[in-house]
Protein backbone atom coordinates (compact mmCIF):
# COMPACT_ATOMS: atom_id res chain seq x y z
CA MET A 1 61.18 141.01 86.48
CA ALA A 2 63.98 141.41 83.94
CA LYS A 3 64.97 138.50 81.78
CA GLN A 4 68.58 137.54 82.00
CA ILE A 5 70.24 136.70 78.70
CA LEU A 6 73.16 134.31 78.67
CA GLU A 7 76.18 135.70 76.92
CA SER A 8 78.01 133.47 74.48
CA GLU A 9 80.99 133.19 76.85
CA LYS A 10 78.74 131.87 79.64
CA ILE A 11 77.16 129.36 77.27
CA LYS A 12 80.64 128.22 76.26
CA GLU A 13 81.57 127.76 79.94
CA ILE A 14 78.40 125.72 80.57
CA ASN A 15 79.08 123.54 77.53
CA GLU A 16 82.68 122.95 78.66
CA ALA A 17 81.53 122.06 82.17
CA ASN A 18 78.97 119.68 80.71
CA PHE A 19 81.67 118.03 78.55
CA ILE A 20 84.04 117.61 81.52
CA VAL A 21 81.31 116.14 83.74
CA ARG A 22 80.21 113.75 80.98
CA HIS A 23 83.80 112.62 80.51
CA PHE A 24 84.19 112.02 84.23
CA ILE A 25 80.91 110.06 84.34
CA ASP A 26 81.94 107.89 81.38
CA LEU A 27 85.39 107.34 82.90
CA SER A 28 83.80 106.40 86.22
CA SER A 29 81.57 103.86 84.47
CA LYS A 30 84.69 102.01 83.42
CA LEU A 31 86.94 102.56 86.43
CA LEU A 32 84.51 101.93 89.30
CA PRO A 33 83.61 98.34 88.30
CA PHE A 34 87.30 97.58 87.78
CA LEU A 35 88.18 99.12 91.15
CA ALA A 36 85.41 97.06 92.80
CA GLU A 37 86.80 93.92 91.23
CA LEU A 38 90.29 94.74 92.50
CA GLN A 39 89.03 95.64 95.96
CA LEU A 40 87.16 92.34 96.29
CA LYS A 41 90.11 90.19 95.21
CA PRO A 42 91.57 88.25 98.15
CA ALA A 43 95.13 88.98 96.99
CA LEU A 44 96.45 91.50 94.50
CA SER A 45 99.35 91.03 92.18
CA GLU A 46 101.85 93.84 91.91
CA LYS A 47 100.16 94.98 88.65
CA ASP A 48 96.71 94.86 90.29
CA GLN A 49 97.93 96.99 93.19
CA GLU A 50 99.47 99.45 90.76
CA ASP A 51 96.20 99.67 88.81
CA LYS A 52 94.21 100.11 92.02
CA ASN A 53 96.51 102.92 93.17
CA LYS A 54 96.18 104.71 89.82
CA ILE A 55 92.39 104.51 89.92
CA ILE A 56 92.30 105.81 93.48
CA GLN A 57 94.59 108.66 92.41
CA VAL A 58 92.18 109.56 89.59
CA PHE A 59 89.20 109.78 91.94
CA ASN A 60 91.14 111.62 94.62
CA SER A 61 92.30 114.22 92.08
CA TYR A 62 88.82 115.16 90.85
CA GLY A 63 87.19 117.89 92.88
CA PHE A 64 83.58 118.22 91.72
CA ASP A 65 80.79 119.71 93.74
CA THR A 66 78.26 116.91 93.46
CA CYS A 67 75.51 119.48 92.87
CA THR A 68 77.06 120.12 89.45
CA SER A 69 75.29 117.14 87.92
CA LEU A 70 72.01 118.23 89.49
CA ILE A 71 72.37 121.64 87.86
CA LEU A 72 73.72 120.54 84.47
CA MET A 73 71.90 117.23 84.02
CA GLN A 74 69.12 117.08 86.60
CA SER A 75 70.84 113.97 87.93
CA PRO A 76 72.42 112.95 91.25
CA ILE A 77 75.05 110.92 89.41
CA LEU A 78 78.12 112.72 90.80
CA ASP A 79 76.86 112.03 94.30
CA GLN A 80 76.29 108.41 93.27
CA ILE A 81 79.86 108.16 91.96
CA LYS A 82 81.13 109.54 95.25
CA GLU A 83 79.08 107.01 97.20
CA VAL A 84 80.10 104.07 95.00
CA TYR A 85 83.75 105.04 95.38
CA ARG A 86 83.36 105.29 99.16
CA LYS A 87 81.54 101.94 99.36
CA ILE A 88 84.21 100.26 97.25
CA LEU A 89 86.89 101.43 99.64
CA ILE A 90 85.06 100.56 102.88
CA GLY A 91 81.95 98.52 102.08
CA ASN A 92 81.11 94.88 101.76
CA LYS A 93 80.43 93.06 98.50
CA GLU A 94 76.64 93.43 98.68
CA GLU A 95 76.79 97.18 99.34
CA ILE A 96 79.33 97.66 96.57
CA GLN A 97 77.16 95.80 94.07
CA LEU A 98 74.02 97.68 95.13
CA TYR A 99 75.59 101.13 94.82
CA LEU A 100 77.38 100.20 91.61
CA SER A 101 74.10 98.99 90.10
CA ILE A 102 72.30 102.23 91.04
CA PHE A 103 75.09 104.25 89.43
CA GLN A 104 75.13 102.10 86.28
CA LYS A 105 71.37 102.46 85.80
CA GLU A 106 71.61 106.25 86.11
CA HIS A 107 74.56 106.28 83.70
CA ILE A 108 72.53 104.34 81.11
CA ARG A 109 69.59 106.74 81.58
CA LEU A 110 71.86 109.74 81.06
CA LYS A 111 73.56 108.21 78.00
CA ASN A 112 70.14 107.63 76.47
CA ASN A 113 69.23 111.26 77.20
CA TRP A 114 72.50 112.46 75.66
CA LYS A 115 71.97 110.33 72.58
CA ASN A 116 68.37 111.54 72.19
CA SER A 117 69.32 115.19 72.63
CA GLY A 118 72.08 114.72 70.06
CA LEU A 119 69.47 113.58 67.55
CA ASN A 120 67.43 116.76 67.95
């Protein structure tokens, strides 16, 4: 069985993909709780509705295969983001909080991993 050696261009592509996914995860950690808060408000101001529409546009514009985080980070976090987003749009308060909590715990775990790997 021949060993496959990664060329520098492939490593660069993997690093860029990792950076983009990390950015999306960090962005999601800020936007999803805010979107949940807006979704659960009984009435939205014009500014709130504008903010909600912008956040929805952000999530609708990203087109990740959720397996990407499994491959790059050994984490289901992109699938969790997708589920949290879906629950926020159609779920009840308890479901939203449950899925948001699961995502936030995984985000903290990944951030700790990233910080630790940065120290090595």
